[in-house]
C-alpha atoms as a PDB file:
ATOM      1  CA  MET A   1      11.040 -14.642 -16.644  1.00  0.00           C
ATOM      2  CA  THR A   2       8.964 -14.955 -13.459  1.00  0.00           C
ATOM      3  CA  LYS A   3       9.751 -18.106 -11.526  1.00  0.00           C
ATOM      4  CA  GLU A   4       7.053 -20.269 -10.021  1.00  0.00           C
ATOM      5  CA  ILE A   5       6.580 -20.205  -6.267  1.00  0.00           C
ATOM      6  CA  PRO A   6       4.775 -22.833  -4.160  1.00  0.00           C
ATOM      7  CA  ASN A   7       0.993 -22.487  -4.368  1.00  0.00           C
ATOM      8  CA  GLU A   8       0.628 -21.997  -0.601  1.00  0.00           C
ATOM      9  CA  ILE A   9       2.842 -18.884  -0.726  1.00  0.00           C
ATOM     10  CA  ALA A  10       1.311 -15.554  -1.809  1.00  0.00           C
ATOM     11  CA  ILE A  11       4.414 -13.330  -1.831  1.00  0.00           C
ATOM     12  CA  GLU A  12       8.115 -14.032  -1.707  1.00  0.00           C
ATOM     13  CA  VAL A  13      10.595 -11.180  -1.274  1.00  0.00           C
ATOM     14  CA  LYS A  14      14.182 -12.269  -1.861  1.00  0.00           C
ATOM     15  CA  ASP A  15      17.145 -10.073  -0.882  1.00  0.00           C
ATOM     16  CA  VAL A  16      15.461  -6.834  -2.012  1.00  0.00           C
ATOM     17  CA  TRP A  17      17.462  -3.618  -1.980  1.00  0.00           C
ATOM     18  CA  LYS A  18      16.163  -0.226  -3.128  1.00  0.00           C
ATOM     19  CA  LYS A  19      18.374   2.790  -3.798  1.00  0.00           C
ATOM     20  CA  PHE A  20      17.325   6.383  -4.384  1.00  0.00           C
ATOM     21  CA  ARG A  21      19.637   9.160  -5.584  1.00  0.00           C
ATOM     22  CA  LEU A  22      19.322  12.248  -3.382  1.00  0.00           C
ATOM     23  CA  TYR A  23      20.456  15.643  -4.690  1.00  0.00           C
ATOM     24  CA  HIS A  24      21.267  18.353  -2.172  1.00  0.00           C
ATOM     25  CA  GLU A  25      21.473  21.296  -4.546  1.00  0.00           C
ATOM     26  CA  LYS A  26      18.887  22.164  -7.182  1.00  0.00           C
ATOM     27  CA  THR A  27      19.371  24.253 -10.315  1.00  0.00           C
ATOM     28  CA  TYR A  28      16.438  25.504 -12.298  1.00  0.00           C
ATOM     29  CA  SER A  29      17.587  27.398 -15.406  1.00  0.00           C
ATOM     30  CA  LEU A  30      19.440  26.078 -18.446  1.00  0.00           C
ATOM     31  CA  LYS A  31      22.194  28.604 -17.780  1.00  0.00           C
ATOM     32  CA  GLU A  32      22.640  27.344 -14.226  1.00  0.00           C
ATOM     33  CA  ARG A  33      22.706  23.749 -15.422  1.00  0.00           C
ATOM     34  CA  ILE A  34      25.519  24.590 -17.871  1.00  0.00           C
ATOM     35  CA  LEU A  35      27.530  26.727 -15.426  1.00  0.00           C
ATOM     36  CA  PHE A  36      27.290  24.284 -12.557  1.00  0.00           C
ATOM     37  CA  TRP A  37      27.360  21.043 -14.536  1.00  0.00           C
ATOM     38  CA  GLY A  38      28.686  18.228 -12.378  1.00  0.00           C
ATOM     39  CA  ARG A  39      28.688  20.303  -9.188  1.00  0.00           C
ATOM     40  CA  ASN A  40      25.400  19.099  -7.747  1.00  0.00           C
ATOM     41  CA  LYS A  41      26.095  17.098  -4.630  1.00  0.00           C
ATOM     42  CA  ALA A  42      24.306  13.792  -4.505  1.00  0.00           C
ATOM     43  CA  GLU A  43      24.364  10.680  -2.400  1.00  0.00           C
ATOM     44  CA  ASP A  44      22.865   7.242  -2.549  1.00  0.00           C
ATOM     45  CA  PHE A  45      20.099   6.521  -0.060  1.00  0.00           C
ATOM     46  CA  TRP A  46      19.247   2.880   0.525  1.00  0.00           C
ATOM     47  CA  ALA A  47      15.572   2.781   1.452  1.00  0.00           C
ATOM     48  CA  LEU A  48      15.620  -1.013   1.711  1.00  0.00           C
ATOM     49  CA  LYS A  49      18.561  -3.253   2.558  1.00  0.00           C
ATOM     50  CA  GLY A  50      18.411  -6.976   1.995  1.00  0.00           C
ATOM     51  CA  ILE A  51      14.721  -7.613   2.724  1.00  0.00           C
ATOM     52  CA  ASN A  52      13.661 -11.272   2.847  1.00  0.00           C
ATOM     53  CA  LEU A  53      10.017 -12.194   3.446  1.00  0.00           C
ATOM     54  CA  THR A  54       7.797 -15.170   2.748  1.00  0.00           C
ATOM     55  CA  ILE A  55       4.084 -14.456   3.160  1.00  0.00           C
ATOM     56  CA  PRO A  56       1.705 -17.443   3.222  1.00  0.00           C
ATOM     57  CA  LYS A  57      -1.605 -17.316   1.370  1.00  0.00           C
ATOM     58  CA  GLY A  58      -4.510 -16.146   3.509  1.00  0.00           C
ATOM     59  CA  SER A  59      -2.368 -14.413   6.114  1.00  0.00           C
ATOM     60  CA  THR A  60      -2.597 -10.788   7.224  1.00  0.00           C
ATOM     61  CA  VAL A  61       0.751  -9.063   7.753  1.00  0.00           C
ATOM     62  CA  GLY A  62       1.331  -5.664   9.356  1.00  0.00           C
ATOM     63  CA  LEU A  63       4.326  -3.502   8.452  1.00  0.00           C
ATOM     64  CA  ILE A  64       5.344  -1.257  11.338  1.00  0.00           C
ATOM     65  CA  GLY A  65       8.169   1.180  11.990  1.00  0.00           C
ATOM     66  CA  ARG A  66       8.947   4.854  12.266  1.00  0.00           C
ATOM     67  CA  ASN A  67       8.523   7.283   9.365  1.00  0.00           C
ATOM     68  CA  GLY A  68      11.225   6.720   6.759  1.00  0.00           C
ATOM     69  CA  SER A  69      11.836   3.112   7.753  1.00  0.00           C
ATOM     70  CA  GLY A  70      10.954   1.764   4.284  1.00  0.00           C
ATOM     71  CA  LYS A  71       7.415   0.453   4.831  1.00  0.00           C
ATOM     72  CA  SER A  72       5.730   2.277   1.947  1.00  0.00           C
ATOM     73  CA  THR A  73       8.691   1.641  -0.347  1.00  0.00           C
ATOM     74  CA  LEU A  74       8.410  -2.092   0.304  1.00  0.00           C
ATOM     75  CA  LEU A  75       4.662  -2.030  -0.358  1.00  0.00           C
ATOM     76  CA  LYS A  76       5.202  -0.166  -3.646  1.00  0.00           C
ATOM     77  CA  ILE A  77       7.793  -2.711  -4.736  1.00  0.00           C
ATOM     78  CA  ILE A  78       5.419  -5.574  -3.945  1.00  0.00           C
ATOM     79  CA  SER A  79       2.702  -3.804  -5.972  1.00  0.00           C
ATOM     80  CA  ARG A  80       5.227  -3.158  -8.791  1.00  0.00           C
ATOM     81  CA  ILE A  81       4.830   0.601  -8.684  1.00  0.00           C
ATOM     82  CA  LEU A  82       8.560   0.633  -7.914  1.00  0.00           C
ATOM     83  CA  TYR A  83      11.184  -1.940  -8.851  1.00  0.00           C
ATOM     84  CA  PRO A  84      14.052  -3.110  -6.645  1.00  0.00           C
ATOM     85  CA  THR A  85      17.619  -2.074  -7.311  1.00  0.00           C
ATOM     86  CA  ARG A  86      18.625  -5.637  -6.441  1.00  0.00           C
ATOM     87  CA  GLY A  87      16.699  -8.753  -5.547  1.00  0.00           C
ATOM     88  CA  GLU A  88      13.304  -9.995  -6.696  1.00  0.00           C
ATOM     89  CA  VAL A  89       9.666 -10.248  -5.667  1.00  0.00           C
ATOM     90  CA  LYS A  90       7.427 -13.161  -6.684  1.00  0.00           C
ATOM     91  CA  ILE A  91       3.650 -12.770  -6.575  1.00  0.00           C
ATOM     92  CA  ASN A  92       1.064 -15.556  -6.644  1.00  0.00           C
ATOM     93  CA  GLY A  93      -2.381 -14.028  -7.335  1.00  0.00           C
ATOM     94  CA  ARG A  94      -4.227 -10.880  -8.439  1.00  0.00           C
ATOM     95  CA  VAL A  95      -3.159  -7.796  -6.464  1.00  0.00           C
ATOM     96  CA  SER A  96      -5.358  -4.872  -5.399  1.00  0.00           C
ATOM     97  CA  THR A  97      -3.678  -1.804  -3.936  1.00  0.00           C
ATOM     98  CA  LEU A  98      -4.790   1.106  -1.785  1.00  0.00           C
ATOM     99  CA  LEU A  99      -1.514   2.948  -1.325  1.00  0.00           C
ATOM    100  CA  GLU A 100      -2.281   6.662  -1.608  1.00  0.00           C
ATOM    101  CA  LEU A 101      -5.472   8.658  -1.442  1.00  0.00           C
ATOM    102  CA  GLY A 102      -6.646   9.356  -4.960  1.00  0.00           C
ATOM    103  CA  ALA A 103      -4.003   7.213  -6.652  1.00  0.00           C
ATOM    104  CA  GLY A 104      -5.448   6.128  -9.982  1.00  0.00           C
ATOM    105  CA  PHE A 105      -8.149   8.822  -9.886  1.00  0.00           C
ATOM    106  CA  HIS A 106      -8.498  11.583 -12.477  1.00  0.00           C
ATOM    107  CA  PRO A 107      -9.498  14.853 -10.755  1.00  0.00           C
ATOM    108  CA  ASP A 108     -11.784  15.979 -13.591  1.00  0.00           C
ATOM    109  CA  PHE A 109     -13.712  12.688 -13.736  1.00  0.00           C
ATOM    110  CA  THR A 110     -16.716  12.005 -11.524  1.00  0.00           C
ATOM    111  CA  GLY A 111     -16.622   9.424  -8.780  1.00  0.00           C
ATOM    112  CA  ARG A 112     -18.590   7.044 -10.982  1.00  0.00           C
ATOM    113  CA  GLU A 113     -16.200   7.515 -13.909  1.00  0.00           C
ATOM    114  CA  ASN A 114     -13.227   7.018 -11.609  1.00  0.00           C
ATOM    115  CA  ILE A 115     -14.645   3.707 -10.416  1.00  0.00           C
ATOM    116  CA  PHE A 116     -14.353   2.445 -13.990  1.00  0.00           C
ATOM    117  CA  LEU A 117     -10.875   3.965 -14.351  1.00  0.00           C
ATOM    118  CA  ASN A 118      -9.497   2.688 -11.043  1.00  0.00           C
ATOM    119  CA  ALA A 119     -11.057  -0.763 -11.259  1.00  0.00           C
ATOM    120  CA  SER A 120      -9.697  -1.226 -14.787  1.00  0.00           C
ATOM    121  CA  ILE A 121      -6.209  -0.353 -13.490  1.00  0.00           C
ATOM    122  CA  LEU A 122      -6.715  -3.076 -10.876  1.00  0.00           C
ATOM    123  CA  GLY A 123      -7.496  -5.616 -13.574  1.00  0.00           C
ATOM    124  CA  LEU A 124     -11.273  -5.736 -14.044  1.00  0.00           C
ATOM    125  CA  ASN A 125     -12.934  -5.539 -17.445  1.00  0.00           C
ATOM    126  CA  ARG A 126     -15.948  -3.295 -18.100  1.00  0.00           C
ATOM    127  CA  LYS A 127     -18.473  -6.095 -17.624  1.00  0.00           C
ATOM    128  CA  GLU A 128     -16.973  -7.046 -14.247  1.00  0.00           C
ATOM    129  CA  ILE A 129     -16.989  -3.391 -13.137  1.00  0.00           C
ATOM    130  CA  LYS A 130     -20.659  -2.972 -14.096  1.00  0.00           C
ATOM    131  CA  GLU A 131     -21.535  -6.065 -12.069  1.00  0.00           C
ATOM    132  CA  ARG A 132     -19.874  -4.542  -8.987  1.00  0.00           C
ATOM    133  CA  LEU A 133     -20.775  -0.888  -9.574  1.00  0.00           C
ATOM    134  CA  ASP A 134     -23.838  -0.682  -7.306  1.00  0.00           C
ATOM    135  CA  ASP A 135     -22.018  -2.429  -4.444  1.00  0.00           C
ATOM    136  CA  ILE A 136     -19.025  -0.097  -4.767  1.00  0.00           C
ATOM    137  CA  ILE A 137     -21.228   3.020  -4.767  1.00  0.00           C
ATOM    138  CA  ALA A 138     -23.248   1.763  -1.801  1.00  0.00           C
ATOM    139  CA  PHE A 139     -20.113   0.958   0.195  1.00  0.00           C
ATOM    140  CA  ALA A 140     -18.538   4.375  -0.486  1.00  0.00           C
ATOM    141  CA  GLU A 141     -21.618   6.199   0.903  1.00  0.00           C
ATOM    142  CA  LEU A 142     -20.985   9.289  -1.226  1.00  0.00           C
ATOM    143  CA  GLY A 143     -24.603   9.984  -2.192  1.00  0.00           C
ATOM    144  CA  ASP A 144     -25.000  12.545  -4.979  1.00  0.00           C
ATOM    145  CA  PHE A 145     -21.252  13.279  -4.834  1.00  0.00           C
ATOM    146  CA  ILE A 146     -20.674  10.086  -6.823  1.00  0.00           C
ATOM    147  CA  ASP A 147     -21.530  12.086  -9.967  1.00  0.00           C
ATOM    148  CA  ASN A 148     -19.367  15.104  -9.057  1.00  0.00           C
ATOM    149  CA  PRO A 149     -15.701  15.559 -10.093  1.00  0.00           C
ATOM    150  CA  VAL A 150     -13.398  14.058  -7.480  1.00  0.00           C
ATOM    151  CA  ARG A 151     -11.347  17.279  -7.366  1.00  0.00           C
ATOM    152  CA  ASN A 152     -14.138  18.510  -5.087  1.00  0.00           C
ATOM    153  CA  TYR A 153     -13.788  15.542  -2.705  1.00  0.00           C
ATOM    154  CA  SER A 154     -12.343  15.745   0.790  1.00  0.00           C
ATOM    155  CA  SER A 155      -9.548  13.360   1.821  1.00  0.00           C
ATOM    156  CA  GLY A 156     -12.140  11.261   3.625  1.00  0.00           C
ATOM    157  CA  MET A 157     -14.270  10.989   0.470  1.00  0.00           C
ATOM    158  CA  TYR A 158     -11.212   9.977  -1.550  1.00  0.00           C
ATOM    159  CA  MET A 159     -10.529   7.237   0.971  1.00  0.00           C
ATOM    160  CA  ARG A 160     -14.128   6.006   0.883  1.00  0.00           C
ATOM    161  CA  LEU A 161     -14.108   5.700  -2.879  1.00  0.00           C
ATOM    162  CA  GLY A 162     -10.609   4.220  -3.136  1.00  0.00           C
ATOM    163  CA  PHE A 163     -11.265   1.659  -0.414  1.00  0.00           C
ATOM    164  CA  ALA A 164     -14.645   0.718  -1.902  1.00  0.00           C
ATOM    165  CA  VAL A 165     -13.055  -0.027  -5.271  1.00  0.00           C
ATOM    166  CA  ALA A 166     -10.048  -1.869  -3.818  1.00  0.00           C
ATOM    167  CA  VAL A 167     -12.114  -4.315  -1.756  1.00  0.00           C
ATOM    168  CA  HIS A 168     -14.586  -5.138  -4.543  1.00  0.00           C
ATOM    169  CA  VAL A 169     -12.202  -6.369  -7.239  1.00  0.00           C
ATOM    170  CA  ASP A 170     -11.998  -9.899  -5.781  1.00  0.00           C
ATOM    171  CA  ALA A 171      -8.228  -9.695  -5.464  1.00  0.00           C
ATOM    172  CA  GLU A 172      -6.279 -12.517  -3.864  1.00  0.00           C
ATOM    173  CA  ILE A 173      -3.770 -10.039  -2.391  1.00  0.00           C
ATOM    174  CA  LEU A 174      -4.720  -6.655  -0.900  1.00  0.00           C
ATOM    175  CA  LEU A 175      -2.102  -4.005  -0.078  1.00  0.00           C
ATOM    176  CA  ILE A 176      -3.114  -1.110   2.197  1.00  0.00           C
ATOM    177  CA  ASP A 177      -0.904   1.839   3.162  1.00  0.00           C
ATOM    178  CA  GLU A 178      -2.104   3.780   6.207  1.00  0.00           C
ATOM    179  CA  VAL A 179      -5.360   4.917   4.591  1.00  0.00           C
ATOM    180  CA  LEU A 180      -7.403   3.491   7.470  1.00  0.00           C
ATOM    181  CA  ALA A 181      -6.210   6.476   9.502  1.00  0.00           C
ATOM    182  CA  VAL A 182      -8.425   8.751   7.382  1.00  0.00           C
ATOM    183  CA  GLY A 183     -12.186   9.183   7.676  1.00  0.00           C
ATOM    184  CA  ASP A 184     -14.862   9.198  10.345  1.00  0.00           C
ATOM    185  CA  LEU A 185     -15.146   6.544  13.041  1.00  0.00           C
ATOM    186  CA  ALA A 186     -18.228   4.843  11.567  1.00  0.00           C
ATOM    187  CA  PHE A 187     -16.583   4.357   8.184  1.00  0.00           C
ATOM    188  CA  LYS A 188     -13.352   3.133   9.774  1.00  0.00           C
ATOM    189  CA  GLU A 189     -15.370   0.471  11.576  1.00  0.00           C
ATOM    190  CA  LYS A 190     -17.028  -0.451   8.302  1.00  0.00           C
ATOM    191  CA  CYS A 191     -13.608  -0.798   6.635  1.00  0.00           C
ATOM    192  CA  LEU A 192     -12.306  -2.969   9.467  1.00  0.00           C
ATOM    193  CA  ALA A 193     -15.380  -5.188   9.203  1.00  0.00           C
ATOM    194  CA  LYS A 194     -14.767  -5.542   5.455  1.00  0.00           C
ATOM    195  CA  ILE A 195     -11.144  -6.492   6.056  1.00  0.00           C
ATOM    196  CA  LYS A 196     -12.251  -9.193   8.500  1.00  0.00           C
ATOM    197  CA  GLU A 197     -14.722 -10.458   5.889  1.00  0.00           C
ATOM    198  CA  LEU A 198     -11.904 -10.671   3.321  1.00  0.00           C
ATOM    199  CA  GLN A 199      -9.745 -12.503   5.859  1.00  0.00           C
ATOM    200  CA  LYS A 200     -12.434 -15.159   6.220  1.00  0.00           C
ATOM    201  CA  LYS A 201     -12.494 -15.531   2.421  1.00  0.00           C
ATOM    202  CA  GLY A 202      -8.752 -16.229   2.439  1.00  0.00           C
ATOM    203  CA  THR A 203      -7.485 -12.934   1.019  1.00  0.00           C
ATOM    204  CA  THR A 204      -3.829 -12.241   1.728  1.00  0.00           C
ATOM    205  CA  ILE A 205      -3.517  -8.741   3.232  1.00  0.00           C
ATOM    206  CA  ILE A 206      -0.477  -6.548   3.880  1.00  0.00           C
ATOM    207  CA  LEU A 207      -1.076  -3.275   5.652  1.00  0.00           C
ATOM    208  CA  VAL A 208       1.146  -0.435   6.765  1.00  0.00           C
ATOM    209  CA  SER A 209       0.052   1.054  10.060  1.00  0.00           C
ATOM    210  CA  HIS A 210       1.373   3.394  12.734  1.00  0.00           C
ATOM    211  CA  ALA A 211      -1.139   1.915  15.185  1.00  0.00           C
ATOM    212  CA  PRO A 212       0.351  -1.148  16.922  1.00  0.00           C
ATOM    213  CA  LYS A 213      -3.023  -1.952  18.490  1.00  0.00           C
ATOM    214  CA  GLN A 214      -4.602  -2.165  15.025  1.00  0.00           C
ATOM    215  CA  VAL A 215      -1.842  -4.522  13.878  1.00  0.00           C
ATOM    216  CA  GLU A 216      -2.349  -6.706  16.955  1.00  0.00           C
ATOM    217  CA  GLU A 217      -6.093  -6.910  16.319  1.00  0.00           C
ATOM    218  CA  LEU A 218      -6.006  -7.522  12.562  1.00  0.00           C
ATOM    219  CA  CYS A 219      -2.736  -9.262  11.757  1.00  0.00           C
ATOM    220  CA  HIS A 220      -1.389 -12.762  12.117  1.00  0.00           C
ATOM    221  CA  PHE A 221       2.190 -11.581  11.610  1.00  0.00           C
ATOM    222  CA  ALA A 222       4.104  -8.317  11.839  1.00  0.00           C
ATOM    223  CA  VAL A 223       7.313  -7.054  10.278  1.00  0.00           C
ATOM    224  CA  TRP A 224       9.183  -4.237  12.009  1.00  0.00           C
ATOM    225  CA  LEU A 225      11.303  -2.157   9.637  1.00  0.00           C
ATOM    226  CA  ASP A 226      13.983   0.217  10.864  1.00  0.00           C
ATOM    227  CA  ARG A 227      16.165   2.281   8.521  1.00  0.00           C
ATOM    228  CA  GLY A 228      15.434  -0.010   5.607  1.00  0.00           C
ATOM    229  CA  GLU A 229      16.167  -3.265   7.416  1.00  0.00           C
ATOM    230  CA  ILE A 230      14.017  -5.856   9.154  1.00  0.00           C
ATOM    231  CA  LYS A 231      14.548  -5.427  12.871  1.00  0.00           C
ATOM    232  CA  ALA A 232      12.064  -8.147  13.836  1.00  0.00           C
ATOM    233  CA  GLN A 233       9.376 -10.344  12.282  1.00  0.00           C
ATOM    234  CA  GLY A 234       7.033 -12.933  13.716  1.00  0.00           C
ATOM    235  CA  GLY A 235       3.746 -13.073  15.600  1.00  0.00           C
ATOM    236  CA  ALA A 236       1.922  -9.731  15.569  1.00  0.00           C
ATOM    237  CA  LYS A 237       1.656  -9.372  19.348  1.00  0.00           C
ATOM    238  CA  GLU A 238       5.296 -10.227  20.005  1.00  0.00           C
ATOM    239  CA  VAL A 239       6.680  -7.901  17.339  1.00  0.00           C
ATOM    240  CA  THR A 240       4.408  -4.956  18.210  1.00  0.00           C
ATOM    241  CA  LYS A 241       5.287  -5.376  21.891  1.00  0.00           C
ATOM    242  CA  ALA A 242       8.997  -5.145  21.078  1.00  0.00           C
ATOM    243  CA  TYR A 243       8.358  -2.131  18.839  1.00  0.00           C
ATOM    244  CA  LYS A 244       6.343  -0.295  21.519  1.00  0.00           C
ATOM    245  CA  GLU A 245       9.086  -0.927  24.066  1.00  0.00           C
ATOM    246  CA  PHE A 246      11.664   0.415  21.603  1.00  0.00           C
ATOM    247  CA  ILE A 247       9.819   3.644  20.782  1.00  0.00           C
ATOM    248  CA  GLY A 248       8.890   4.088  24.440  1.00  0.00           C
ATOM    249  CA  SER A 249      12.556   4.044  25.408  1.00  0.00           C
ATOM    250  CA  GLY A 250      13.622   6.300  22.522  1.00  0.00           C
END
């Protein structure tokens, strides 16, 4: 049973650990599986170790750290794509996610059809999607491609469509994983302007970024993850400064 959390808190992460099982040898045939049963070497990899976070409503939080530090894993646990091995996450509000390019899209469906598919996954009913459809299409700027199968889309077009859907579902919590690094400069600026608009509306935003400057400009707070643990958290400028000094000396 999900426990209540104070109304002024959007997300509470309590002592979250996440373990993956890594196998170093792979067998492919049934014969090999029988002959070498039990011989595959495996080890436990802890992607997250004892993460504790309290994120106030209306705040924007940046997750920073080197590749493999656990940022995307944490975001997927918050979005409930993954579940923690230990610990719990409490959510207060509707969540919209933009975690991977094309996630939630069917390659054989058109862009228009995928708007209905993706938005329904994010919690909208058909009537709500129809009410937002023109705004989503206009924001994505895909022109006639909106009625073409998305398998023909470039990575930038995927991002345009995914971002357009994610920011038009009126979510109270928006999770973004590095997708702002994709696309042309003009559209990036448009996305940043939309994020600032959502901030003014009180949307809680968590974004993963490898750009400390972007975190400083957009975020109230930052969390620096290193090897699955929180190395520092606090004001965005202070944490990003410490992170830049760390990677600069590495």
